[in-house]
Amino acid sequence: QGTGTIILINEIIQARKLGINHLKVSAAKSNYFCGYYTWARLGYSIDSSEDQKEFDELINDHGRNEKSMIELMETKDGRDFWKANGFWWEGIFDMANGSENINALNAYLTQAGINFSL
């Protein structure tokens, strides 16, 4: 529990030192993989126009109003919805100070009781 979060924090710290600006991920969903939820929870954004279109259709079909993965994951209701209805997607994480991805990860760290921020 929490190992992925610690790994992501260390990846961000080291990637910044190397001048890397963003990370990409394939957020898998299957009987064996739950990245579709985990990466969303840790602040990744959708990085594919096809995936964004599928996301928008899912949101609209269920009468929801969120415009982004980050917005959806801000509430327990949104997280529960994504856990039940989410799909495999391609993600991106902007590591710039103050980016929406960093802000979402910091919010998650606070909620999880992890006394650390990037």
C-alpha atoms as a PDB file:
ATOM      1  CA  GLN A   1       0.000   0.000   0.000  1.00  0.00           C
ATOM      2  CA  GLY A   2       1.454   3.320  -1.087  1.00  0.00           C
ATOM      3  CA  THR A   3       4.460   1.853  -2.881  1.00  0.00           C
ATOM      4  CA  GLY A   4       3.359   3.264  -6.244  1.00  0.00           C
ATOM      5  CA  THR A   5       2.963   6.707  -4.721  1.00  0.00           C
ATOM      6  CA  ILE A   6       6.473   6.638  -3.281  1.00  0.00           C
ATOM      7  CA  ILE A   7       7.865   5.417  -6.603  1.00  0.00           C
ATOM      8  CA  LEU A   8       6.078   8.232  -8.468  1.00  0.00           C
ATOM      9  CA  ILE A   9       7.398  10.858  -6.051  1.00  0.00           C
ATOM     10  CA  ASN A  10      10.940   9.577  -6.541  1.00  0.00           C
ATOM     11  CA  GLU A  11      10.481   9.450 -10.329  1.00  0.00           C
ATOM     12  CA  ILE A  12       9.374  13.081 -10.321  1.00  0.00           C
ATOM     13  CA  ILE A  13      12.305  14.194  -8.157  1.00  0.00           C
ATOM     14  CA  GLN A  14      14.851  12.366 -10.304  1.00  0.00           C
ATOM     15  CA  ALA A  15      13.248  13.295 -13.649  1.00  0.00           C
ATOM     16  CA  ARG A  16      13.270  16.979 -12.685  1.00  0.00           C
ATOM     17  CA  LYS A  17      17.000  16.716 -11.927  1.00  0.00           C
ATOM     18  CA  LEU A  18      17.496  15.303 -15.423  1.00  0.00           C
ATOM     19  CA  GLY A  19      15.466  18.083 -17.043  1.00  0.00           C
ATOM     20  CA  ILE A  20      12.560  15.818 -17.992  1.00  0.00           C
ATOM     21  CA  ASN A  21       9.336  17.820 -18.163  1.00  0.00           C
ATOM     22  CA  HIS A  22       6.638  15.172 -18.207  1.00  0.00           C
ATOM     23  CA  LEU A  23       5.912  11.486 -17.684  1.00  0.00           C
ATOM     24  CA  LYS A  24       3.628   9.300 -19.767  1.00  0.00           C
ATOM     25  CA  VAL A  25       1.779   6.156 -18.786  1.00  0.00           C
ATOM     26  CA  SER A  26      -0.520   3.553 -20.231  1.00  0.00           C
ATOM     27  CA  ALA A  27      -3.171   3.324 -17.518  1.00  0.00           C
ATOM     28  CA  ALA A  28      -4.211  -0.293 -17.899  1.00  0.00           C
ATOM     29  CA  LYS A  29      -7.462  -1.895 -16.846  1.00  0.00           C
ATOM     30  CA  SER A  30      -7.877  -5.658 -16.738  1.00  0.00           C
ATOM     31  CA  ASN A  31      -8.329  -8.488 -14.280  1.00  0.00           C
ATOM     32  CA  TYR A  32      -4.677  -7.978 -13.333  1.00  0.00           C
ATOM     33  CA  PHE A  33      -4.117  -4.224 -13.751  1.00  0.00           C
ATOM     34  CA  CYS A  34      -5.755  -1.255 -12.028  1.00  0.00           C
ATOM     35  CA  GLY A  35      -3.620   1.549 -13.454  1.00  0.00           C
ATOM     36  CA  TYR A  36      -6.718   3.159 -14.974  1.00  0.00           C
ATOM     37  CA  TYR A  37      -7.700   4.119 -11.418  1.00  0.00           C
ATOM     38  CA  THR A  38      -4.320   4.434  -9.708  1.00  0.00           C
ATOM     39  CA  TRP A  39      -2.774   6.832 -12.231  1.00  0.00           C
ATOM     40  CA  ALA A  40      -5.939   8.939 -12.268  1.00  0.00           C
ATOM     41  CA  ARG A  41      -5.876   9.080  -8.465  1.00  0.00           C
ATOM     42  CA  LEU A  42      -2.229  10.188  -8.507  1.00  0.00           C
ATOM     43  CA  GLY A  43      -2.955  13.145 -10.784  1.00  0.00           C
ATOM     44  CA  TYR A  44      -2.314  12.041 -14.363  1.00  0.00           C
ATOM     45  CA  SER A  45      -4.315  13.655 -17.184  1.00  0.00           C
ATOM     46  CA  ILE A  46      -5.640  12.004 -20.330  1.00  0.00           C
ATOM     47  CA  ASP A  47      -3.121  12.356 -23.171  1.00  0.00           C
ATOM     48  CA  SER A  48      -5.064  11.010 -26.143  1.00  0.00           C
ATOM     49  CA  SER A  49      -7.801  12.775 -28.081  1.00  0.00           C
ATOM     50  CA  GLU A  50      -9.502   9.396 -28.599  1.00  0.00           C
ATOM     51  CA  ASP A  51      -9.414   8.664 -24.873  1.00  0.00           C
ATOM     52  CA  GLN A  52     -10.665  12.185 -24.072  1.00  0.00           C
ATOM     53  CA  LYS A  53     -13.558  11.654 -26.487  1.00  0.00           C
ATOM     54  CA  GLU A  54     -14.407   8.336 -24.786  1.00  0.00           C
ATOM     55  CA  PHE A  55     -14.149  10.042 -21.382  1.00  0.00           C
ATOM     56  CA  ASP A  56     -16.447  12.896 -22.489  1.00  0.00           C
ATOM     57  CA  GLU A  57     -19.007  10.417 -23.854  1.00  0.00           C
ATOM     58  CA  LEU A  58     -18.935   8.389 -20.623  1.00  0.00           C
ATOM     59  CA  ILE A  59     -19.400  11.523 -18.527  1.00  0.00           C
ATOM     60  CA  ASN A  60     -22.245  12.811 -20.722  1.00  0.00           C
ATOM     61  CA  ASP A  61     -23.978   9.406 -20.906  1.00  0.00           C
ATOM     62  CA  HIS A  62     -24.139   9.341 -17.107  1.00  0.00           C
ATOM     63  CA  GLY A  63     -25.298  12.941 -16.697  1.00  0.00           C
ATOM     64  CA  ARG A  64     -22.082  14.107 -15.094  1.00  0.00           C
ATOM     65  CA  ASN A  65     -20.381  17.477 -15.655  1.00  0.00           C
ATOM     66  CA  GLU A  66     -16.645  16.891 -15.149  1.00  0.00           C
ATOM     67  CA  LYS A  67     -14.408  18.050 -17.993  1.00  0.00           C
ATOM     68  CA  SER A  68     -11.192  16.270 -17.030  1.00  0.00           C
ATOM     69  CA  MET A  69      -9.848  13.245 -15.220  1.00  0.00           C
ATOM     70  CA  ILE A  70      -8.412  15.495 -12.525  1.00  0.00           C
ATOM     71  CA  GLU A  71     -11.783  17.139 -11.942  1.00  0.00           C
ATOM     72  CA  LEU A  72     -13.514  13.747 -11.773  1.00  0.00           C
ATOM     73  CA  MET A  73     -11.045  12.432  -9.198  1.00  0.00           C
ATOM     74  CA  GLU A  74     -11.505  15.423  -6.851  1.00  0.00           C
ATOM     75  CA  THR A  75     -14.567  13.914  -5.155  1.00  0.00           C
ATOM     76  CA  LYS A  76     -15.313  10.525  -3.626  1.00  0.00           C
ATOM     77  CA  ASP A  77     -18.391  10.276  -5.846  1.00  0.00           C
ATOM     78  CA  GLY A  78     -16.235  10.910  -8.926  1.00  0.00           C
ATOM     79  CA  ARG A  79     -13.630   8.355  -7.802  1.00  0.00           C
ATOM     80  CA  ASP A  80     -16.326   5.751  -7.150  1.00  0.00           C
ATOM     81  CA  PHE A  81     -17.811   6.452 -10.576  1.00  0.00           C
ATOM     82  CA  TRP A  82     -14.427   6.031 -12.273  1.00  0.00           C
ATOM     83  CA  LYS A  83     -13.662   2.848 -10.349  1.00  0.00           C
ATOM     84  CA  ALA A  84     -16.937   1.346 -11.570  1.00  0.00           C
ATOM     85  CA  ASN A  85     -16.950   2.735 -15.134  1.00  0.00           C
ATOM     86  CA  GLY A  86     -13.382   3.620 -16.074  1.00  0.00           C
ATOM     87  CA  PHE A  87     -11.400   2.271 -19.016  1.00  0.00           C
ATOM     88  CA  TRP A  88      -7.821   1.798 -20.201  1.00  0.00           C
ATOM     89  CA  TRP A  89      -6.342   5.179 -21.209  1.00  0.00           C
ATOM     90  CA  GLU A  90      -3.084   6.959 -22.070  1.00  0.00           C
ATOM     91  CA  GLY A  91      -1.913   9.530 -19.548  1.00  0.00           C
ATOM     92  CA  ILE A  92       0.527  12.384 -19.108  1.00  0.00           C
ATOM     93  CA  PHE A  93       1.929  14.114 -16.023  1.00  0.00           C
ATOM     94  CA  ASP A  94       3.372  17.635 -16.287  1.00  0.00           C
ATOM     95  CA  MET A  95       6.067  17.934 -13.615  1.00  0.00           C
ATOM     96  CA  ALA A  96       6.307  21.733 -13.615  1.00  0.00           C
ATOM     97  CA  ASN A  97       5.836  23.388 -10.239  1.00  0.00           C
ATOM     98  CA  GLY A  98       2.191  24.378  -9.894  1.00  0.00           C
ATOM     99  CA  SER A  99       0.934  22.265 -12.815  1.00  0.00           C
ATOM    100  CA  GLU A 100      -2.545  20.798 -12.459  1.00  0.00           C
ATOM    101  CA  ASN A 101      -0.931  17.349 -12.214  1.00  0.00           C
ATOM    102  CA  ILE A 102       1.414  18.359  -9.387  1.00  0.00           C
ATOM    103  CA  ASN A 103      -1.465  20.105  -7.606  1.00  0.00           C
ATOM    104  CA  ALA A 104      -3.647  16.991  -7.927  1.00  0.00           C
ATOM    105  CA  LEU A 105      -0.844  14.758  -6.614  1.00  0.00           C
ATOM    106  CA  ASN A 106      -0.239  17.117  -3.680  1.00  0.00           C
ATOM    107  CA  ALA A 107      -3.963  17.058  -2.862  1.00  0.00           C
ATOM    108  CA  TYR A 108      -3.885  13.256  -2.931  1.00  0.00           C
ATOM    109  CA  LEU A 109      -0.824  13.186  -0.650  1.00  0.00           C
ATOM    110  CA  THR A 110      -2.637  15.406   1.849  1.00  0.00           C
ATOM    111  CA  GLN A 111      -5.774  13.227   1.732  1.00  0.00           C
ATOM    112  CA  ALA A 112      -3.674  10.088   2.173  1.00  0.00           C
ATOM    113  CA  GLY A 113      -1.926  11.577   5.199  1.00  0.00           C
ATOM    114  CA  ILE A 114       1.460  11.617   3.481  1.00  0.00           C
ATOM    115  CA  ASN A 115       3.363  14.594   4.836  1.00  0.00           C
ATOM    116  CA  PHE A 116       5.149  15.543   1.622  1.00  0.00           C
ATOM    117  CA  SER A 117       4.528  17.885  -1.291  1.00  0.00           C
ATOM    118  CA  LEU A 118       6.234  18.550  -4.600  1.00  0.00           C
END
